[in-house]
Structures are given as C-alpha cells and as structure tokens.
Amino acid sequence: MKTFGETIGRAKWYPELPKVALKDLIDVQFELADATVVENFESQFGLSTFALLLGTRLDGSTQFTTLCGGKVVVKKISKALEEKLLPLLATIIWNDHYYDII
C-alpha cells in the first residue's frame, strides 16, 4: 500500500525560493502573494502555530518565503485567507511587545 507522500506528494512551501529571516523584513513593505497557516506543529519546543508567507519585493526582483509565529500576524493572515484577500501589500512591524502586519 502506498503512503500519502507517495500518492499526493509531501507538503513543501516553495522550496526553490530563498528563505528570508523575519528580522530582515521588519518595516519593509512587500507584496504578500500567498500564505498558509500551520497549526499545532510539534517541534523540540512544543506545539506552535505560525504563518508561512510567500512575498515579492516591490521592485519585482525577488520572490521569497518567510514565517512568522506572532499571534496577531497569524490571526490577520488567517482572516485574509478566509476572505480570499491576497495578494496584498504587507509590512511586518515589531512594536516592542508583539509582531503585527499592516
């Protein structure tokens, strides 16, 4: 019997694109083209929920992926996905207490 991975394929989030650290995107506006929310991901640090983001620099030069586990960002990404609002211009900010996306 075949596995899900063999039949449907493994979930990969744009593996051919460069990964950009969230810290390098703070206060940088970009086009948020696609996203997905990963819930209850189990790691060595316990369960977490985070958003995987597909972005494009505004000059069109580079597509990239990043992730953010900030609760406010995840909540806003979830809403944008539910309402099919993407693509949108996005800026991730840090306000000394939490990450936000505006």
N, C-alpha and C. Protein backbone atom coordinates (compact mmCIF):
# COMPACT_ATOMS: atom_id res chain seq x y z
N MET A 1 0.84 -1.17 0.00
CA MET A 1 0.00 0.00 0.00
C MET A 1 0.89 1.24 0.00
N LYS A 2 0.51 2.26 -0.79
CA LYS A 2 1.28 3.50 -0.88
C LYS A 2 0.93 4.44 0.27
N THR A 3 1.86 5.36 0.55
CA THR A 3 1.63 6.38 1.58
C THR A 3 1.03 7.63 0.94
N PHE A 4 0.55 8.55 1.77
CA PHE A 4 0.07 9.83 1.26
C PHE A 4 1.18 10.56 0.52
N GLY A 5 2.39 10.52 1.08
CA GLY A 5 3.52 11.20 0.46
C GLY A 5 3.82 10.69 -0.94
N GLU A 6 3.72 9.38 -1.13
CA GLU A 6 3.97 8.79 -2.44
C GLU A 6 2.85 9.12 -3.43
N THR A 7 1.63 9.18 -2.95
CA THR A 7 0.48 9.37 -3.82
C THR A 7 0.21 10.83 -4.13
N ILE A 8 0.20 11.67 -3.10
CA ILE A 8 -0.17 13.07 -3.26
C ILE A 8 1.05 13.98 -3.23
N GLY A 9 2.10 13.53 -2.63
CA GLY A 9 3.30 14.35 -2.51
C GLY A 9 3.39 14.97 -1.13
N ARG A 10 4.58 15.34 -0.75
CA ARG A 10 4.80 15.97 0.56
C ARG A 10 4.53 17.44 0.44
N ALA A 11 4.05 18.00 1.51
CA ALA A 11 3.79 19.44 1.54
C ALA A 11 5.12 20.18 1.57
N LYS A 12 5.32 21.03 0.59
CA LYS A 12 6.53 21.85 0.55
C LYS A 12 6.09 23.27 0.24
N TRP A 13 6.71 24.21 0.87
CA TRP A 13 6.33 25.61 0.70
C TRP A 13 7.36 26.29 -0.16
N TYR A 14 7.19 26.25 -1.48
CA TYR A 14 8.07 26.91 -2.43
C TYR A 14 9.55 26.64 -2.10
N PRO A 15 9.96 25.38 -2.15
CA PRO A 15 11.33 25.03 -1.72
C PRO A 15 12.42 25.64 -2.60
N GLU A 16 12.07 26.03 -3.82
CA GLU A 16 13.08 26.58 -4.73
C GLU A 16 13.38 28.05 -4.45
N LEU A 17 12.57 28.70 -3.63
CA LEU A 17 12.75 30.12 -3.36
C LEU A 17 13.62 30.35 -2.12
N PRO A 18 14.32 31.49 -2.11
CA PRO A 18 15.13 31.79 -0.92
C PRO A 18 14.26 32.04 0.30
N LYS A 19 14.78 31.63 1.45
CA LYS A 19 14.13 31.89 2.73
C LYS A 19 14.72 33.17 3.30
N VAL A 20 13.87 34.08 3.73
CA VAL A 20 14.33 35.34 4.31
C VAL A 20 13.94 35.34 5.79
N ALA A 21 14.88 35.65 6.65
CA ALA A 21 14.60 35.72 8.08
C ALA A 21 13.63 36.86 8.36
N LEU A 22 12.69 36.64 9.25
CA LEU A 22 11.70 37.65 9.58
C LEU A 22 12.36 38.95 10.00
N LYS A 23 13.45 38.88 10.74
CA LYS A 23 14.13 40.10 11.21
C LYS A 23 14.59 40.98 10.06
N ASP A 24 14.81 40.38 8.88
CA ASP A 24 15.25 41.15 7.72
C ASP A 24 14.08 41.79 6.97
N LEU A 25 12.85 41.49 7.40
CA LEU A 25 11.66 42.04 6.75
C LEU A 25 10.93 43.07 7.61
N ILE A 26 11.39 43.29 8.82
CA ILE A 26 10.72 44.24 9.71
C ILE A 26 10.76 45.63 9.06
N ASP A 27 9.59 46.25 8.97
CA ASP A 27 9.43 47.59 8.40
C ASP A 27 9.74 47.66 6.90
N VAL A 28 9.68 46.54 6.21
CA VAL A 28 9.91 46.50 4.76
C VAL A 28 8.60 46.10 4.09
N GLN A 29 8.08 46.98 3.24
CA GLN A 29 6.83 46.64 2.55
C GLN A 29 7.13 45.69 1.39
N PHE A 30 6.25 44.69 1.22
CA PHE A 30 6.38 43.73 0.14
C PHE A 30 4.99 43.27 -0.28
N GLU A 31 4.91 42.62 -1.43
CA GLU A 31 3.65 42.05 -1.86
C GLU A 31 3.50 40.66 -1.24
N LEU A 32 2.46 40.47 -0.48
CA LEU A 32 2.17 39.16 0.10
C LEU A 32 1.26 38.44 -0.89
N ALA A 33 1.83 37.49 -1.62
CA ALA A 33 1.12 36.82 -2.71
C ALA A 33 0.36 35.58 -2.25
N ASP A 34 0.88 34.89 -1.27
CA ASP A 34 0.27 33.64 -0.82
C ASP A 34 0.69 33.41 0.63
N ALA A 35 -0.09 32.61 1.32
CA ALA A 35 0.23 32.28 2.71
C ALA A 35 -0.51 31.01 3.09
N THR A 36 -0.03 30.39 4.13
CA THR A 36 -0.74 29.28 4.74
C THR A 36 -0.46 29.32 6.24
N VAL A 37 -1.40 28.83 7.01
CA VAL A 37 -1.23 28.78 8.46
C VAL A 37 -1.03 27.33 8.86
N VAL A 38 0.04 27.07 9.58
CA VAL A 38 0.36 25.74 10.09
C VAL A 38 -0.01 25.73 11.56
N GLU A 39 -0.94 24.86 11.92
CA GLU A 39 -1.41 24.81 13.30
C GLU A 39 -0.88 23.56 14.00
N ASN A 40 -0.62 23.73 15.27
CA ASN A 40 -0.20 22.62 16.14
C ASN A 40 1.01 21.85 15.58
N PHE A 41 1.99 22.60 15.12
CA PHE A 41 3.23 22.00 14.63
C PHE A 41 4.06 21.58 15.84
N GLU A 42 4.46 20.34 15.87
CA GLU A 42 5.22 19.83 17.01
C GLU A 42 6.71 19.90 16.72
N SER A 43 7.42 20.56 17.62
CA SER A 43 8.87 20.67 17.49
C SER A 43 9.50 20.39 18.85
N GLN A 44 10.81 20.55 18.93
CA GLN A 44 11.51 20.33 20.20
C GLN A 44 11.07 21.33 21.26
N PHE A 45 10.41 22.42 20.84
CA PHE A 45 9.97 23.45 21.77
C PHE A 45 8.49 23.32 22.13
N GLY A 46 7.83 22.27 21.65
CA GLY A 46 6.41 22.07 21.91
C GLY A 46 5.57 22.39 20.69
N LEU A 47 4.27 22.56 20.90
CA LEU A 47 3.35 22.87 19.81
C LEU A 47 3.37 24.35 19.49
N SER A 48 3.29 24.67 18.20
CA SER A 48 3.23 26.08 17.81
C SER A 48 2.35 26.23 16.58
N THR A 49 1.89 27.44 16.37
CA THR A 49 1.13 27.81 15.18
C THR A 49 1.86 28.97 14.55
N PHE A 50 2.01 28.93 13.23
CA PHE A 50 2.71 30.01 12.54
C PHE A 50 2.19 30.15 11.13
N ALA A 51 2.52 31.26 10.50
CA ALA A 51 2.13 31.53 9.12
C ALA A 51 3.37 31.44 8.23
N LEU A 52 3.22 30.72 7.13
CA LEU A 52 4.24 30.70 6.09
C LEU A 52 3.81 31.71 5.03
N LEU A 53 4.71 32.57 4.63
CA LEU A 53 4.38 33.66 3.73
C LEU A 53 5.21 33.60 2.45
N LEU A 54 4.56 33.86 1.32
CA LEU A 54 5.23 34.00 0.04
C LEU A 54 5.18 35.47 -0.33
N GLY A 55 6.34 36.09 -0.41
CA GLY A 55 6.40 37.51 -0.71
C GLY A 55 7.20 37.81 -1.95
N THR A 56 7.00 39.01 -2.46
CA THR A 56 7.77 39.52 -3.59
C THR A 56 8.21 40.93 -3.25
N ARG A 57 9.48 41.21 -3.43
CA ARG A 57 9.97 42.57 -3.20
C ARG A 57 9.26 43.51 -4.16
N LEU A 58 9.01 44.74 -3.75
CA LEU A 58 8.20 45.65 -4.55
C LEU A 58 8.82 45.99 -5.90
N ASP A 59 10.14 45.89 -6.01
CA ASP A 59 10.76 46.14 -7.32
C ASP A 59 10.65 44.92 -8.24
N GLY A 60 10.03 43.84 -7.71
CA GLY A 60 9.82 42.63 -8.51
C GLY A 60 11.05 41.77 -8.68
N SER A 61 12.13 42.13 -8.01
CA SER A 61 13.40 41.45 -8.23
C SER A 61 13.47 40.06 -7.60
N THR A 62 12.78 39.85 -6.49
CA THR A 62 12.95 38.61 -5.75
C THR A 62 11.65 38.15 -5.12
N GLN A 63 11.34 36.88 -5.33
CA GLN A 63 10.30 36.23 -4.55
C GLN A 63 11.01 35.51 -3.42
N PHE A 64 10.33 35.37 -2.28
CA PHE A 64 10.96 34.74 -1.12
C PHE A 64 9.87 34.15 -0.24
N THR A 65 10.30 33.34 0.71
CA THR A 65 9.39 32.85 1.73
C THR A 65 9.93 33.23 3.10
N THR A 66 9.04 33.33 4.05
CA THR A 66 9.41 33.57 5.43
C THR A 66 8.32 32.98 6.31
N LEU A 67 8.55 32.97 7.60
CA LEU A 67 7.50 32.52 8.51
C LEU A 67 7.45 33.44 9.71
N CYS A 68 6.24 33.49 10.30
CA CYS A 68 6.04 34.31 11.49
C CYS A 68 5.07 33.60 12.41
N GLY A 69 5.44 33.49 13.67
CA GLY A 69 4.59 32.85 14.65
C GLY A 69 3.87 33.83 15.56
N GLY A 70 3.99 35.12 15.27
CA GLY A 70 3.30 36.11 16.09
C GLY A 70 1.79 35.93 16.02
N LYS A 71 1.14 35.90 17.16
CA LYS A 71 -0.30 35.62 17.21
C LYS A 71 -1.13 36.62 16.41
N VAL A 72 -0.77 37.89 16.47
CA VAL A 72 -1.52 38.91 15.73
C VAL A 72 -1.35 38.70 14.23
N VAL A 73 -0.14 38.42 13.79
CA VAL A 73 0.11 38.18 12.38
C VAL A 73 -0.65 36.94 11.92
N VAL A 74 -0.58 35.86 12.67
CA VAL A 74 -1.26 34.62 12.29
C VAL A 74 -2.77 34.86 12.19
N LYS A 75 -3.32 35.61 13.13
CA LYS A 75 -4.76 35.89 13.12
C LYS A 75 -5.14 36.69 11.87
N LYS A 76 -4.35 37.71 11.54
CA LYS A 76 -4.65 38.53 10.36
C LYS A 76 -4.46 37.74 9.06
N ILE A 77 -3.44 36.90 9.01
CA ILE A 77 -3.23 36.07 7.82
C ILE A 77 -4.40 35.10 7.65
N SER A 78 -4.84 34.51 8.74
CA SER A 78 -5.99 33.60 8.69
C SER A 78 -7.22 34.30 8.13
N LYS A 79 -7.46 35.51 8.58
CA LYS A 79 -8.61 36.28 8.10
C LYS A 79 -8.47 36.60 6.61
N ALA A 80 -7.29 37.01 6.19
CA ALA A 80 -7.05 37.30 4.77
C ALA A 80 -7.26 36.07 3.90
N LEU A 81 -6.84 34.92 4.39
CA LEU A 81 -7.03 33.68 3.64
C LEU A 81 -8.51 33.30 3.57
N GLU A 82 -9.20 33.38 4.70
CA GLU A 82 -10.63 33.05 4.74
C GLU A 82 -11.43 33.93 3.79
N GLU A 83 -11.06 35.20 3.71
CA GLU A 83 -11.80 36.15 2.88
C GLU A 83 -11.21 36.27 1.47
N LYS A 84 -10.20 35.45 1.16
CA LYS A 84 -9.57 35.44 -0.16
C LYS A 84 -9.12 36.84 -0.60
N LEU A 85 -8.38 37.51 0.28
CA LEU A 85 -7.95 38.88 0.04
C LEU A 85 -6.59 39.00 -0.64
N LEU A 86 -5.80 37.93 -0.65
CA LEU A 86 -4.45 38.01 -1.21
C LEU A 86 -4.51 38.05 -2.73
N PRO A 87 -3.59 38.79 -3.35
CA PRO A 87 -2.40 39.45 -2.81
C PRO A 87 -2.72 40.81 -2.19
N LEU A 88 -1.87 41.19 -1.24
CA LEU A 88 -1.96 42.48 -0.56
C LEU A 88 -0.54 43.02 -0.33
N LEU A 89 -0.43 44.32 -0.22
CA LEU A 89 0.83 44.90 0.24
C LEU A 89 0.90 44.70 1.74
N ALA A 90 2.07 44.33 2.23
CA ALA A 90 2.22 43.99 3.64
C ALA A 90 3.52 44.56 4.19
N THR A 91 3.47 44.95 5.45
CA THR A 91 4.65 45.34 6.20
C THR A 91 4.55 44.70 7.57
N ILE A 92 5.55 43.94 7.95
CA ILE A 92 5.58 43.34 9.29
C ILE A 92 6.32 44.31 10.20
N ILE A 93 5.70 44.60 11.33
CA ILE A 93 6.31 45.53 12.28
C ILE A 93 6.45 44.86 13.63
N TRP A 94 7.34 45.40 14.44
CA TRP A 94 7.54 44.97 15.82
C TRP A 94 7.32 46.21 16.68
N ASN A 95 6.38 46.16 17.61
CA ASN A 95 6.07 47.36 18.40
C ASN A 95 6.56 47.25 19.85
N ASP A 96 7.62 46.52 20.06
CA ASP A 96 8.24 46.28 21.38
C ASP A 96 7.49 45.28 22.23
N HIS A 97 6.35 44.78 21.78
CA HIS A 97 5.60 43.78 22.53
C HIS A 97 5.17 42.59 21.66
N TYR A 98 4.88 42.85 20.38
CA TYR A 98 4.41 41.79 19.50
C TYR A 98 4.60 42.19 18.04
N TYR A 99 4.59 41.18 17.18
CA TYR A 99 4.64 41.43 15.73
C TYR A 99 3.24 41.74 15.24
N ASP A 100 3.16 42.60 14.24
CA ASP A 100 1.90 42.92 13.58
C ASP A 100 2.17 42.99 12.09
N ILE A 101 1.12 42.90 11.29
CA ILE A 101 1.25 43.04 9.85
C ILE A 101 0.24 44.10 9.43
N ILE A 102 0.75 45.12 8.73
CA ILE A 102 -0.09 46.24 8.34
C ILE A 102 0.01 46.46 6.84
